């Protein structure tokens, strides 16, 4: 299995924190790698820049986008927690959460519209 794009990681991120307990980002990364059944090599695979692993990048972008849409909160540095909106997304949202779907939330639409679209950002989101 190859590592999925960050949009494919968003719903598993929400499911990992569905109980409402704030968890460390490091634990979330491990949980998602486990859910995706990544091999040790896949867990160690690095971005072309070499600065971070692909899975950490995917979880990071997912966390950022879900936070900007109000589905997750970051109660303190390095922590992640689901919001009521996030629970509603799990109950009523699509099987695969996408950027297009997140644009229904005004704060996310504002964030995404203001975001500079660089080649590097687009290639990381791939």
PDB file of N, CA and C in Angstrom:
ATOM      1  N   UNK A   1       0.850  -1.184   0.000  1.00  0.00           N
ATOM      2  CA  UNK A   1       0.000   0.000   0.000  1.00  0.00           C
ATOM      3  C   UNK A   1       0.889   1.238   0.000  1.00  0.00           C
ATOM      4  N   UNK A   2       0.530   2.199  -0.808  1.00  0.00           N
ATOM      5  CA  UNK A   2       1.270   3.455  -0.774  1.00  0.00           C
ATOM      6  C   UNK A   2       0.599   4.387   0.233  1.00  0.00           C
ATOM      7  N   UNK A   3       1.328   5.376   0.652  1.00  0.00           N
ATOM      8  CA  UNK A   3       0.804   6.325   1.625  1.00  0.00           C
ATOM      9  C   UNK A   3      -0.210   7.220   0.913  1.00  0.00           C
ATOM     10  N   UNK A   4      -1.435   7.291   1.429  1.00  0.00           N
ATOM     11  CA  UNK A   4      -2.461   8.093   0.747  1.00  0.00           C
ATOM     12  C   UNK A   4      -2.206   9.593   0.870  1.00  0.00           C
ATOM     13  N   UNK A   5      -2.891  10.358   0.033  1.00  0.00           N
ATOM     14  CA  UNK A   5      -2.778  11.808   0.095  1.00  0.00           C
ATOM     15  C   UNK A   5      -3.424  12.319   1.386  1.00  0.00           C
ATOM     16  N   UNK A   6      -3.177  13.586   1.701  1.00  0.00           N
ATOM     17  CA  UNK A   6      -3.637  14.114   2.980  1.00  0.00           C
ATOM     18  C   UNK A   6      -5.158  14.149   3.092  1.00  0.00           C
ATOM     19  N   UNK A   7      -5.867  14.298   1.976  1.00  0.00           N
ATOM     20  CA  UNK A   7      -7.322  14.309   2.045  1.00  0.00           C
ATOM     21  C   UNK A   7      -7.856  12.939   2.478  1.00  0.00           C
ATOM     22  N   UNK A   8      -7.204  11.891   2.028  1.00  0.00           N
ATOM     23  CA  UNK A   8      -7.616  10.534   2.408  1.00  0.00           C
ATOM     24  C   UNK A   8      -7.298  10.231   3.865  1.00  0.00           C
ATOM     25  N   UNK A   9      -6.468  11.047   4.481  1.00  0.00           N
ATOM     26  CA  UNK A   9      -6.083  10.852   5.877  1.00  0.00           C
ATOM     27  C   UNK A   9      -7.020  11.620   6.823  1.00  0.00           C
ATOM     28  N   UNK A  10      -7.771  12.587   6.308  1.00  0.00           N
ATOM     29  CA  UNK A  10      -8.576  13.439   7.187  1.00  0.00           C
ATOM     30  C   UNK A  10      -9.640  12.670   7.974  1.00  0.00           C
ATOM     31  N   UNK A  11     -10.393  11.818   7.336  1.00  0.00           N
ATOM     32  CA  UNK A  11     -11.420  11.075   8.085  1.00  0.00           C
ATOM     33  C   UNK A  11     -10.784  10.138   9.117  1.00  0.00           C
ATOM     34  N   UNK A  12      -9.740   9.372   8.761  1.00  0.00           N
ATOM     35  CA  UNK A  12      -9.093   8.563   9.797  1.00  0.00           C
ATOM     36  C   UNK A  12      -8.575   9.390  10.974  1.00  0.00           C
ATOM     37  N   UNK A  13      -8.117  10.613  10.725  1.00  0.00           N
ATOM     38  CA  UNK A  13      -7.677  11.484  11.819  1.00  0.00           C
ATOM     39  C   UNK A  13      -8.857  11.774  12.740  1.00  0.00           C
ATOM     40  N   UNK A  14      -9.992  12.146  12.171  1.00  0.00           N
ATOM     41  CA  UNK A  14     -11.173  12.413  13.002  1.00  0.00           C
ATOM     42  C   UNK A  14     -11.597  11.165  13.772  1.00  0.00           C
ATOM     43  N   UNK A  15     -11.587  10.022  13.101  1.00  0.00           N
ATOM     44  CA  UNK A  15     -11.986   8.782  13.768  1.00  0.00           C
ATOM     45  C   UNK A  15     -11.042   8.443  14.925  1.00  0.00           C
ATOM     46  N   UNK A  16      -9.772   8.781  14.771  1.00  0.00           N
ATOM     47  CA  UNK A  16      -8.788   8.473  15.814  1.00  0.00           C
ATOM     48  C   UNK A  16      -9.026   9.276  17.095  1.00  0.00           C
ATOM     49  N   UNK A  17      -9.681  10.416  16.980  1.00  0.00           N
ATOM     50  CA  UNK A  17      -9.919  11.266  18.157  1.00  0.00           C
ATOM     51  C   UNK A  17     -11.402  11.377  18.498  1.00  0.00           C
ATOM     52  N   UNK A  18     -12.196  10.490  17.962  1.00  0.00           N
ATOM     53  CA  UNK A  18     -13.651  10.571  18.114  1.00  0.00           C
ATOM     54  C   UNK A  18     -14.128  10.531  19.556  1.00  0.00           C
ATOM     55  N   UNK A  19     -13.342   9.958  20.469  1.00  0.00           N
ATOM     56  CA  UNK A  19     -13.775   9.862  21.865  1.00  0.00           C
ATOM     57  C   UNK A  19     -13.701  11.190  22.609  1.00  0.00           C
ATOM     58  N   UNK A  20     -13.127  12.204  21.991  1.00  0.00           N
ATOM     59  CA  UNK A  20     -13.112  13.532  22.589  1.00  0.00           C
ATOM     60  C   UNK A  20     -11.931  13.827  23.488  1.00  0.00           C
ATOM     61  N   UNK A  21     -11.111  12.831  23.739  1.00  0.00           N
ATOM     62  CA  UNK A  21      -9.928  13.037  24.582  1.00  0.00           C
ATOM     63  C   UNK A  21      -8.810  13.650  23.739  1.00  0.00           C
ATOM     64  N   UNK A  22      -8.206  14.703  24.261  1.00  0.00           N
ATOM     65  CA  UNK A  22      -7.072  15.324  23.559  1.00  0.00           C
ATOM     66  C   UNK A  22      -5.897  14.347  23.576  1.00  0.00           C
ATOM     67  N   UNK A  23      -5.272  14.168  22.407  1.00  0.00           N
ATOM     68  CA  UNK A  23      -4.113  13.275  22.338  1.00  0.00           C
ATOM     69  C   UNK A  23      -2.931  14.013  21.715  1.00  0.00           C
ATOM     70  N   UNK A  24      -1.723  13.568  22.041  1.00  0.00           N
ATOM     71  CA  UNK A  24      -0.543  14.186  21.430  1.00  0.00           C
ATOM     72  C   UNK A  24      -0.492  13.905  19.930  1.00  0.00           C
ATOM     73  N   UNK A  25       0.002  14.865  19.179  1.00  0.00           N
ATOM     74  CA  UNK A  25       0.145  14.708  17.739  1.00  0.00           C
ATOM     75  C   UNK A  25       1.004  13.484  17.423  1.00  0.00           C
ATOM     76  N   UNK A  26       2.018  13.231  18.218  1.00  0.00           N
ATOM     77  CA  UNK A  26       2.877  12.064  17.980  1.00  0.00           C
ATOM     78  C   UNK A  26       2.081  10.762  18.081  1.00  0.00           C
ATOM     79  N   UNK A  27       1.167  10.673  19.037  1.00  0.00           N
ATOM     80  CA  UNK A  27       0.321   9.482  19.176  1.00  0.00           C
ATOM     81  C   UNK A  27      -0.653   9.372  18.009  1.00  0.00           C
ATOM     82  N   UNK A  28      -1.155  10.509  17.548  1.00  0.00           N
ATOM     83  CA  UNK A  28      -2.052  10.518  16.394  1.00  0.00           C
ATOM     84  C   UNK A  28      -1.334  10.008  15.153  1.00  0.00           C
ATOM     85  N   UNK A  29      -0.092  10.447  14.959  1.00  0.00           N
ATOM     86  CA  UNK A  29       0.687   9.990  13.805  1.00  0.00           C
ATOM     87  C   UNK A  29       0.854   8.476  13.828  1.00  0.00           C
ATOM     88  N   UNK A  30       1.193   7.943  14.989  1.00  0.00           N
ATOM     89  CA  UNK A  30       1.369   6.489  15.129  1.00  0.00           C
ATOM     90  C   UNK A  30       0.061   5.761  14.872  1.00  0.00           C
ATOM     91  N   UNK A  31      -1.015   6.286  15.411  1.00  0.00           N
ATOM     92  CA  UNK A  31      -2.332   5.676  15.229  1.00  0.00           C
ATOM     93  C   UNK A  31      -2.703   5.613  13.751  1.00  0.00           C
ATOM     94  N   UNK A  32      -2.497   6.693  13.034  1.00  0.00           N
ATOM     95  CA  UNK A  32      -2.843   6.737  11.609  1.00  0.00           C
ATOM     96  C   UNK A  32      -1.964   5.778  10.820  1.00  0.00           C
ATOM     97  N   UNK A  33      -0.696   5.712  11.130  1.00  0.00           N
ATOM     98  CA  UNK A  33       0.200   4.757  10.461  1.00  0.00           C
ATOM     99  C   UNK A  33      -0.283   3.330  10.708  1.00  0.00           C
ATOM    100  N   UNK A  34      -0.760   3.060  11.917  1.00  0.00           N
ATOM    101  CA  UNK A  34      -1.295   1.736  12.241  1.00  0.00           C
ATOM    102  C   UNK A  34      -2.590   1.462  11.476  1.00  0.00           C
ATOM    103  N   UNK A  35      -3.500   2.433  11.478  1.00  0.00           N
ATOM    104  CA  UNK A  35      -4.779   2.282  10.771  1.00  0.00           C
ATOM    105  C   UNK A  35      -4.544   2.013   9.288  1.00  0.00           C
ATOM    106  N   UNK A  36      -3.575   2.708   8.717  1.00  0.00           N
ATOM    107  CA  UNK A  36      -3.268   2.544   7.293  1.00  0.00           C
ATOM    108  C   UNK A  36      -2.414   1.308   7.027  1.00  0.00           C
ATOM    109  N   UNK A  37      -2.028   0.633   8.098  1.00  0.00           N
ATOM    110  CA  UNK A  37      -1.211  -0.580   8.009  1.00  0.00           C
ATOM    111  C   UNK A  37       0.064  -0.338   7.199  1.00  0.00           C
ATOM    112  N   UNK A  38       0.730   0.768   7.513  1.00  0.00           N
ATOM    113  CA  UNK A  38       1.963   1.105   6.811  1.00  0.00           C
ATOM    114  C   UNK A  38       3.095   0.187   7.262  1.00  0.00           C
ATOM    115  N   UNK A  39       3.919  -0.172   6.324  1.00  0.00           N
ATOM    116  CA  UNK A  39       5.100  -0.974   6.639  1.00  0.00           C
ATOM    117  C   UNK A  39       6.133  -0.073   7.324  1.00  0.00           C
ATOM    118  N   UNK A  40       7.161  -0.689   7.878  1.00  0.00           N
ATOM    119  CA  UNK A  40       8.227   0.097   8.498  1.00  0.00           C
ATOM    120  C   UNK A  40       8.889   1.020   7.469  1.00  0.00           C
ATOM    121  N   UNK A  41       9.086   0.516   6.256  1.00  0.00           N
ATOM    122  CA  UNK A  41       9.687   1.345   5.206  1.00  0.00           C
ATOM    123  C   UNK A  41       8.796   2.536   4.868  1.00  0.00           C
ATOM    124  N   UNK A  42       7.481   2.306   4.785  1.00  0.00           N
ATOM    125  CA  UNK A  42       6.557   3.407   4.495  1.00  0.00           C
ATOM    126  C   UNK A  42       6.556   4.424   5.631  1.00  0.00           C
ATOM    127  N   UNK A  43       6.636   3.961   6.862  1.00  0.00           N
ATOM    128  CA  UNK A  43       6.666   4.874   8.011  1.00  0.00           C
ATOM    129  C   UNK A  43       7.927   5.741   7.998  1.00  0.00           C
ATOM    130  N   UNK A  44       8.996   5.241   7.419  1.00  0.00           N
ATOM    131  CA  UNK A  44      10.272   5.965   7.378  1.00  0.00           C
ATOM    132  C   UNK A  44      10.459   6.776   6.098  1.00  0.00           C
ATOM    133  N   UNK A  45       9.577   6.563   5.104  1.00  0.00           N
ATOM    134  CA  UNK A  45       9.713   7.262   3.821  1.00  0.00           C
ATOM    135  C   UNK A  45       9.671   8.769   4.036  1.00  0.00           C
ATOM    136  N   UNK A  46      10.636   9.454   3.428  1.00  0.00           N
ATOM    137  CA  UNK A  46      10.758  10.892   3.624  1.00  0.00           C
ATOM    138  C   UNK A  46      10.324  11.668   2.382  1.00  0.00           C
ATOM    139  N   UNK A  47       9.917  12.890   2.594  1.00  0.00           N
ATOM    140  CA  UNK A  47       9.614  13.791   1.486  1.00  0.00           C
ATOM    141  C   UNK A  47      10.891  14.033   0.695  1.00  0.00           C
ATOM    142  N   UNK A  48      10.770  14.486  -0.550  1.00  0.00           N
ATOM    143  CA  UNK A  48      11.965  14.775  -1.340  1.00  0.00           C
ATOM    144  C   UNK A  48      12.927  15.737  -0.636  1.00  0.00           C
ATOM    145  N   UNK A  49      12.395  16.647   0.153  1.00  0.00           N
ATOM    146  CA  UNK A  49      13.254  17.591   0.881  1.00  0.00           C
ATOM    147  C   UNK A  49      14.051  16.896   1.976  1.00  0.00           C
ATOM    148  N   UNK A  50      13.573  15.729   2.429  1.00  0.00           N
ATOM    149  CA  UNK A  50      14.233  14.995   3.490  1.00  0.00           C
ATOM    150  C   UNK A  50      13.943  15.521   4.886  1.00  0.00           C
ATOM    151  N   UNK A  51      13.139  16.563   4.994  1.00  0.00           N
ATOM    152  CA  UNK A  51      12.906  17.208   6.284  1.00  0.00           C
ATOM    153  C   UNK A  51      11.944  16.449   7.199  1.00  0.00           C
ATOM    154  N   UNK A  52      11.039  15.674   6.640  1.00  0.00           N
ATOM    155  CA  UNK A  52      10.100  14.934   7.476  1.00  0.00           C
ATOM    156  C   UNK A  52       9.595  13.714   6.723  1.00  0.00           C
ATOM    157  N   UNK A  53       8.954  12.816   7.479  1.00  0.00           N
ATOM    158  CA  UNK A  53       8.405  11.637   6.823  1.00  0.00           C
ATOM    159  C   UNK A  53       7.116  12.007   6.102  1.00  0.00           C
ATOM    160  N   UNK A  54       6.794  11.213   5.108  1.00  0.00           N
ATOM    161  CA  UNK A  54       5.580  11.458   4.324  1.00  0.00           C
ATOM    162  C   UNK A  54       4.353  11.337   5.214  1.00  0.00           C
ATOM    163  N   UNK A  55       4.288  10.303   6.050  1.00  0.00           N
ATOM    164  CA  UNK A  55       3.093  10.125   6.889  1.00  0.00           C
ATOM    165  C   UNK A  55       2.951  11.273   7.883  1.00  0.00           C
ATOM    166  N   UNK A  56       4.034  11.746   8.467  1.00  0.00           N
ATOM    167  CA  UNK A  56       3.932  12.890   9.383  1.00  0.00           C
ATOM    168  C   UNK A  56       3.434  14.127   8.644  1.00  0.00           C
ATOM    169  N   UNK A  57       3.874  14.291   7.408  1.00  0.00           N
ATOM    170  CA  UNK A  57       3.421  15.399   6.581  1.00  0.00           C
ATOM    171  C   UNK A  57       1.924  15.298   6.301  1.00  0.00           C
ATOM    172  N   UNK A  58       1.467  14.106   5.931  1.00  0.00           N
ATOM    173  CA  UNK A  58       0.043  13.912   5.618  1.00  0.00           C
ATOM    174  C   UNK A  58      -0.830  14.170   6.848  1.00  0.00           C
ATOM    175  N   UNK A  59      -0.418  13.644   7.987  1.00  0.00           N
ATOM    176  CA  UNK A  59      -1.183  13.869   9.221  1.00  0.00           C
ATOM    177  C   UNK A  59      -1.142  15.346   9.593  1.00  0.00           C
ATOM    178  N   UNK A  60      -0.007  15.985   9.412  1.00  0.00           N
ATOM    179  CA  UNK A  60       0.119  17.407   9.727  1.00  0.00           C
ATOM    180  C   UNK A  60      -0.802  18.277   8.892  1.00  0.00           C
ATOM    181  N   UNK A  61      -0.813  18.033   7.580  1.00  0.00           N
ATOM    182  CA  UNK A  61      -1.713  18.805   6.711  1.00  0.00           C
ATOM    183  C   UNK A  61      -3.171  18.519   7.054  1.00  0.00           C
ATOM    184  N   UNK A  62      -3.492  17.263   7.337  1.00  0.00           N
ATOM    185  CA  UNK A  62      -4.866  16.914   7.713  1.00  0.00           C
ATOM    186  C   UNK A  62      -5.273  17.660   8.973  1.00  0.00           C
ATOM    187  N   UNK A  63      -4.396  17.651   9.964  1.00  0.00           N
ATOM    188  CA  UNK A  63      -4.691  18.345  11.219  1.00  0.00           C
ATOM    189  C   UNK A  63      -4.905  19.830  10.975  1.00  0.00           C
ATOM    190  N   UNK A  64      -4.056  20.440  10.175  1.00  0.00           N
ATOM    191  CA  UNK A  64      -4.193  21.871   9.882  1.00  0.00           C
ATOM    192  C   UNK A  64      -5.523  22.164   9.208  1.00  0.00           C
ATOM    193  N   UNK A  65      -5.846  21.405   8.179  1.00  0.00           N
ATOM    194  CA  UNK A  65      -7.081  21.667   7.438  1.00  0.00           C
ATOM    195  C   UNK A  65      -8.319  21.395   8.290  1.00  0.00           C
ATOM    196  N   UNK A  66      -8.313  20.321   9.046  1.00  0.00           N
ATOM    197  CA  UNK A  66      -9.460  20.024   9.915  1.00  0.00           C
ATOM    198  C   UNK A  66      -9.602  21.072  11.008  1.00  0.00           C
ATOM    199  N   UNK A  67      -8.502  21.578  11.505  1.00  0.00           N
ATOM    200  CA  UNK A  67      -8.530  22.640  12.503  1.00  0.00           C
ATOM    201  C   UNK A  67      -9.098  23.922  11.903  1.00  0.00           C
ATOM    202  N   UNK A  68      -8.651  24.275  10.711  1.00  0.00           N
ATOM    203  CA  UNK A  68      -9.134  25.501  10.065  1.00  0.00           C
ATOM    204  C   UNK A  68     -10.622  25.425   9.739  1.00  0.00           C
ATOM    205  N   UNK A  69     -11.137  24.195   9.566  1.00  0.00           N
ATOM    206  CA  UNK A  69     -12.564  24.006   9.288  1.00  0.00           C
ATOM    207  C   UNK A  69     -13.382  23.874  10.574  1.00  0.00           C
ATOM    208  N   UNK A  70     -12.710  23.885  11.724  1.00  0.00           N
ATOM    209  CA  UNK A  70     -13.415  23.790  12.997  1.00  0.00           C
ATOM    210  C   UNK A  70     -13.809  22.372  13.385  1.00  0.00           C
ATOM    211  N   UNK A  71     -13.228  21.367  12.743  1.00  0.00           N
ATOM    212  CA  UNK A  71     -13.538  19.975  13.073  1.00  0.00           C
ATOM    213  C   UNK A  71     -12.607  19.435  14.153  1.00  0.00           C
ATOM    214  N   UNK A  72     -11.444  20.037  14.259  1.00  0.00           N
ATOM    215  CA  UNK A  72     -10.473  19.710  15.301  1.00  0.00           C
ATOM    216  C   UNK A  72     -10.078  20.992  16.005  1.00  0.00           C
ATOM    217  N   UNK A  73      -9.610  20.839  17.212  1.00  0.00           N
ATOM    218  CA  UNK A  73      -9.018  21.953  17.931  1.00  0.00           C
ATOM    219  C   UNK A  73      -7.638  21.527  18.406  1.00  0.00           C
ATOM    220  N   UNK A  74      -6.803  22.505  18.641  1.00  0.00           N
ATOM    221  CA  UNK A  74      -5.464  22.260  19.180  1.00  0.00           C
ATOM    222  C   UNK A  74      -5.466  22.909  20.565  1.00  0.00           C
ATOM    223  N   UNK A  75      -5.862  22.132  21.590  1.00  0.00           N
ATOM    224  CA  UNK A  75      -6.042  22.707  22.924  1.00  0.00           C
ATOM    225  C   UNK A  75      -4.747  23.204  23.564  1.00  0.00           C
ATOM    226  N   UNK A  76      -3.634  22.627  23.171  1.00  0.00           N
ATOM    227  CA  UNK A  76      -2.324  23.102  23.607  1.00  0.00           C
ATOM    228  C   UNK A  76      -1.309  22.601  22.595  1.00  0.00           C
ATOM    229  N   UNK A  77      -0.111  23.131  22.659  1.00  0.00           N
ATOM    230  CA  UNK A  77       0.903  22.797  21.665  1.00  0.00           C
ATOM    231  C   UNK A  77       1.094  21.278  21.567  1.00  0.00           C
ATOM    232  N   UNK A  78       1.028  20.786  20.330  1.00  0.00           N
ATOM    233  CA  UNK A  78       1.268  19.374  20.083  1.00  0.00           C
ATOM    234  C   UNK A  78       0.114  18.455  20.410  1.00  0.00           C
ATOM    235  N   UNK A  79      -1.053  19.009  20.732  1.00  0.00           N
ATOM    236  CA  UNK A  79      -2.226  18.197  21.079  1.00  0.00           C
ATOM    237  C   UNK A  79      -3.310  18.355  20.015  1.00  0.00           C
ATOM    238  N   UNK A  80      -4.200  17.374  19.954  1.00  0.00           N
ATOM    239  CA  UNK A  80      -5.300  17.383  18.986  1.00  0.00           C
ATOM    240  C   UNK A  80      -6.557  16.877  19.683  1.00  0.00           C
ATOM    241  N   UNK A  81      -7.699  17.532  19.396  1.00  0.00           N
ATOM    242  CA  UNK A  81      -8.967  17.122  19.995  1.00  0.00           C
ATOM    243  C   UNK A  81     -10.098  17.406  19.014  1.00  0.00           C
ATOM    244  N   UNK A  82     -11.060  16.513  18.957  1.00  0.00           N
ATOM    245  CA  UNK A  82     -12.211  16.692  18.066  1.00  0.00           C
ATOM    246  C   UNK A  82     -13.158  17.738  18.657  1.00  0.00           C
ATOM    247  N   UNK A  83     -13.899  18.401  17.795  1.00  0.00           N
ATOM    248  CA  UNK A  83     -14.923  19.362  18.210  1.00  0.00           C
ATOM    249  C   UNK A  83     -16.297  18.754  17.942  1.00  0.00           C
ATOM    250  N   UNK A  84     -17.333  19.454  18.385  1.00  0.00           N
ATOM    251  CA  UNK A  84     -18.696  18.995  18.085  1.00  0.00           C
ATOM    252  C   UNK A  84     -18.916  18.946  16.568  1.00  0.00           C
ATOM    253  N   UNK A  85     -18.385  19.916  15.863  1.00  0.00           N
ATOM    254  CA  UNK A  85     -18.507  19.929  14.402  1.00  0.00           C
ATOM    255  C   UNK A  85     -17.807  18.698  13.808  1.00  0.00           C
ATOM    256  N   UNK A  86     -16.680  18.327  14.385  1.00  0.00           N
ATOM    257  CA  UNK A  86     -15.960  17.138  13.933  1.00  0.00           C
ATOM    258  C   UNK A  86     -16.785  15.873  14.153  1.00  0.00           C
ATOM    259  N   UNK A  87     -17.465  15.800  15.284  1.00  0.00           N
ATOM    260  CA  UNK A  87     -18.344  14.646  15.549  1.00  0.00           C
ATOM    261  C   UNK A  87     -19.492  14.598  14.544  1.00  0.00           C
ATOM    262  N   UNK A  88     -20.036  15.766  14.230  1.00  0.00           N
ATOM    263  CA  UNK A  88     -21.105  15.831  13.224  1.00  0.00           C
ATOM    264  C   UNK A  88     -20.595  15.386  11.863  1.00  0.00           C
ATOM    265  N   UNK A  89     -19.359  15.744  11.533  1.00  0.00           N
ATOM    266  CA  UNK A  89     -18.770  15.327  10.259  1.00  0.00           C
ATOM    267  C   UNK A  89     -18.622  13.810  10.207  1.00  0.00           C
ATOM    268  N   UNK A  90     -18.250  13.202  11.321  1.00  0.00           N
ATOM    269  CA  UNK A  90     -18.151  11.742  11.352  1.00  0.00           C
ATOM    270  C   UNK A  90     -19.522  11.100  11.180  1.00  0.00           C
ATOM    271  N   UNK A  91     -20.535  11.694  11.796  1.00  0.00           N
ATOM    272  CA  UNK A  91     -21.885  11.122  11.742  1.00  0.00           C
ATOM    273  C   UNK A  91     -22.554  11.333  10.390  1.00  0.00           C
ATOM    274  N   UNK A  92     -22.325  12.504   9.781  1.00  0.00           N
ATOM    275  CA  UNK A  92     -23.086  12.877   8.586  1.00  0.00           C
ATOM    276  C   UNK A  92     -22.244  13.197   7.361  1.00  0.00           C
ATOM    277  N   UNK A  93     -20.944  13.212   7.517  1.00  0.00           N
ATOM    278  CA  UNK A  93     -20.070  13.617   6.424  1.00  0.00           C
ATOM    279  C   UNK A  93     -19.751  12.476   5.474  1.00  0.00           C
ATOM    280  N   UNK A  94     -18.979  12.783   4.466  1.00  0.00           N
ATOM    281  CA  UNK A  94     -18.618  11.779   3.456  1.00  0.00           C
ATOM    282  C   UNK A  94     -17.588  10.771   3.976  1.00  0.00           C
ATOM    283  N   UNK A  95     -17.467   9.684   3.269  1.00  0.00           N
ATOM    284  CA  UNK A  95     -16.475   8.660   3.621  1.00  0.00           C
ATOM    285  C   UNK A  95     -15.058   9.199   3.440  1.00  0.00           C
ATOM    286  N   UNK A  96     -14.875  10.106   2.505  1.00  0.00           N
ATOM    287  CA  UNK A  96     -13.568  10.732   2.269  1.00  0.00           C
ATOM    288  C   UNK A  96     -13.764  12.244   2.335  1.00  0.00           C
ATOM    289  N   UNK A  97     -13.165  12.863   3.317  1.00  0.00           N
ATOM    290  CA  UNK A  97     -13.251  14.311   3.478  1.00  0.00           C
ATOM    291  C   UNK A  97     -12.260  14.955   2.516  1.00  0.00           C
ATOM    292  N   UNK A  98     -12.736  15.935   1.775  1.00  0.00           N
ATOM    293  CA  UNK A  98     -11.896  16.622   0.796  1.00  0.00           C
ATOM    294  C   UNK A  98     -11.871  18.124   1.085  1.00  0.00           C
ATOM    295  N   UNK A  99     -10.932  18.799   0.451  1.00  0.00           N
ATOM    296  CA  UNK A  99     -10.853  20.249   0.555  1.00  0.00           C
ATOM    297  C   UNK A  99     -12.159  20.861   0.063  1.00  0.00           C
ATOM    298  N   UNK A 100     -12.690  20.351  -1.019  1.00  0.00           N
ATOM    299  CA  UNK A 100     -13.951  20.872  -1.558  1.00  0.00           C
ATOM    300  C   UNK A 100     -15.066  20.770  -0.523  1.00  0.00           C
ATOM    301  N   UNK A 101     -15.158  19.648   0.160  1.00  0.00           N
ATOM    302  CA  UNK A 101     -16.189  19.460   1.189  1.00  0.00           C
ATOM    303  C   UNK A 101     -15.965  20.426   2.357  1.00  0.00           C
ATOM    304  N   UNK A 102     -14.720  20.654   2.745  1.00  0.00           N
ATOM    305  CA  UNK A 102     -14.421  21.551   3.860  1.00  0.00           C
ATOM    306  C   UNK A 102     -14.781  23.002   3.554  1.00  0.00           C
ATOM    307  N   UNK A 103     -14.840  23.351   2.278  1.00  0.00           N
ATOM    308  CA  UNK A 103     -15.138  24.739   1.897  1.00  0.00           C
ATOM    309  C   UNK A 103     -16.551  25.173   2.284  1.00  0.00           C
ATOM    310  N   UNK A 104     -17.400  24.259   2.714  1.00  0.00           N
ATOM    311  CA  UNK A 104     -18.732  24.644   3.187  1.00  0.00           C
ATOM    312  C   UNK A 104     -18.648  25.435   4.503  1.00  0.00           C
ATOM    313  N   UNK A 105     -17.526  25.314   5.197  1.00  0.00           N
ATOM    314  CA  UNK A 105     -17.339  26.017   6.457  1.00  0.00           C
ATOM    315  C   UNK A 105     -16.664  27.355   6.165  1.00  0.00           C
ATOM    316  N   UNK A 106     -17.348  28.472   6.484  1.00  0.00           N
ATOM    317  CA  UNK A 106     -16.831  29.795   6.101  1.00  0.00           C
ATOM    318  C   UNK A 106     -15.395  30.066   6.547  1.00  0.00           C
ATOM    319  N   UNK A 107     -15.046  29.658   7.757  1.00  0.00           N
ATOM    320  CA  UNK A 107     -13.692  29.939   8.225  1.00  0.00           C
ATOM    321  C   UNK A 107     -12.647  29.166   7.436  1.00  0.00           C
ATOM    322  N   UNK A 108     -13.005  27.978   6.978  1.00  0.00           N
ATOM    323  CA  UNK A 108     -12.077  27.230   6.136  1.00  0.00           C
ATOM    324  C   UNK A 108     -11.990  27.867   4.746  1.00  0.00           C
ATOM    325  N   UNK A 109     -13.137  28.245   4.193  1.00  0.00           N
ATOM    326  CA  UNK A 109     -13.145  28.881   2.867  1.00  0.00           C
ATOM    327  C   UNK A 109     -12.282  30.145   2.883  1.00  0.00           C
ATOM    328  N   UNK A 110     -12.380  30.927   3.961  1.00  0.00           N
ATOM    329  CA  UNK A 110     -11.559  32.134   4.086  1.00  0.00           C
ATOM    330  C   UNK A 110     -10.075  31.773   4.162  1.00  0.00           C
ATOM    331  N   UNK A 111      -9.748  30.779   4.984  1.00  0.00           N
ATOM    332  CA  UNK A 111      -8.364  30.322   5.120  1.00  0.00           C
ATOM    333  C   UNK A 111      -7.819  29.843   3.775  1.00  0.00           C
ATOM    334  N   UNK A 112      -8.594  29.028   3.078  1.00  0.00           N
ATOM    335  CA  UNK A 112      -8.121  28.432   1.831  1.00  0.00           C
ATOM    336  C   UNK A 112      -7.976  29.480   0.737  1.00  0.00           C
ATOM    337  N   UNK A 113      -8.874  30.442   0.705  1.00  0.00           N
ATOM    338  CA  UNK A 113      -8.805  31.502  -0.309  1.00  0.00           C
ATOM    339  C   UNK A 113      -7.585  32.388  -0.084  1.00  0.00           C
ATOM    340  N   UNK A 114      -7.177  32.557   1.168  1.00  0.00           N
ATOM    341  CA  UNK A 114      -6.050  33.432   1.484  1.00  0.00           C
ATOM    342  C   UNK A 114      -4.707  32.716   1.371  1.00  0.00           C
ATOM    343  N   UNK A 115      -4.734  31.419   1.192  1.00  0.00           N
ATOM    344  CA  UNK A 115      -3.528  30.593   1.202  1.00  0.00           C
ATOM    345  C   UNK A 115      -2.762  30.734  -0.112  1.00  0.00           C
ATOM    346  N   UNK A 116      -1.487  31.058  -0.051  1.00  0.00           N
ATOM    347  CA  UNK A 116      -0.713  31.121  -1.301  1.00  0.00           C
ATOM    348  C   UNK A 116      -0.520  29.721  -1.874  1.00  0.00           C
ATOM    349  N   UNK A 117      -0.768  29.567  -3.120  1.00  0.00           N
ATOM    350  CA  UNK A 117      -0.638  28.262  -3.779  1.00  0.00           C
ATOM    351  C   UNK A 117       0.716  28.190  -4.465  1.00  0.00           C
ATOM    352  N   UNK A 118       1.681  27.611  -3.781  1.00  0.00           N
ATOM    353  CA  UNK A 118       3.010  27.475  -4.362  1.00  0.00           C
ATOM    354  C   UNK A 118       3.186  26.066  -4.886  1.00  0.00           C
ATOM    355  N   UNK A 119       4.150  25.898  -5.745  1.00  0.00           N
ATOM    356  CA  UNK A 119       4.446  24.576  -6.301  1.00  0.00           C
ATOM    357  C   UNK A 119       4.793  23.599  -5.196  1.00  0.00           C
ATOM    358  N   UNK A 120       5.588  24.031  -4.212  1.00  0.00           N
ATOM    359  CA  UNK A 120       5.981  23.144  -3.129  1.00  0.00           C
ATOM    360  C   UNK A 120       4.781  22.679  -2.321  1.00  0.00           C
ATOM    361  N   UNK A 121       3.878  23.601  -1.989  1.00  0.00           N
ATOM    362  CA  UNK A 121       2.683  23.237  -1.228  1.00  0.00           C
ATOM    363  C   UNK A 121       1.842  22.252  -2.011  1.00  0.00           C
ATOM    364  N   UNK A 122       1.650  22.498  -3.287  1.00  0.00           N
ATOM    365  CA  UNK A 122       0.820  21.615  -4.101  1.00  0.00           C
ATOM    366  C   UNK A 122       1.449  20.225  -4.214  1.00  0.00           C
ATOM    367  N   UNK A 123       2.752  20.150  -4.357  1.00  0.00           N
ATOM    368  CA  UNK A 123       3.371  18.847  -4.500  1.00  0.00           C
ATOM    369  C   UNK A 123       3.312  18.063  -3.195  1.00  0.00           C
ATOM    370  N   UNK A 124       3.360  18.737  -2.065  1.00  0.00           N
ATOM    371  CA  UNK A 124       3.272  18.064  -0.772  1.00  0.00           C
ATOM    372  C   UNK A 124       1.867  17.521  -0.556  1.00  0.00           C
ATOM    373  N   UNK A 125       0.857  18.236  -1.046  1.00  0.00           N
ATOM    374  CA  UNK A 125      -0.523  17.806  -0.847  1.00  0.00           C
ATOM    375  C   UNK A 125      -0.895  16.631  -1.731  1.00  0.00           C
ATOM    376  N   UNK A 126      -0.207  16.452  -2.829  1.00  0.00           N
ATOM    377  CA  UNK A 126      -0.405  15.414  -3.803  1.00  0.00           C
ATOM    378  C   UNK A 126      -1.212  14.324  -3.404  1.00  0.00           C
TER     379      UNK A 126
END
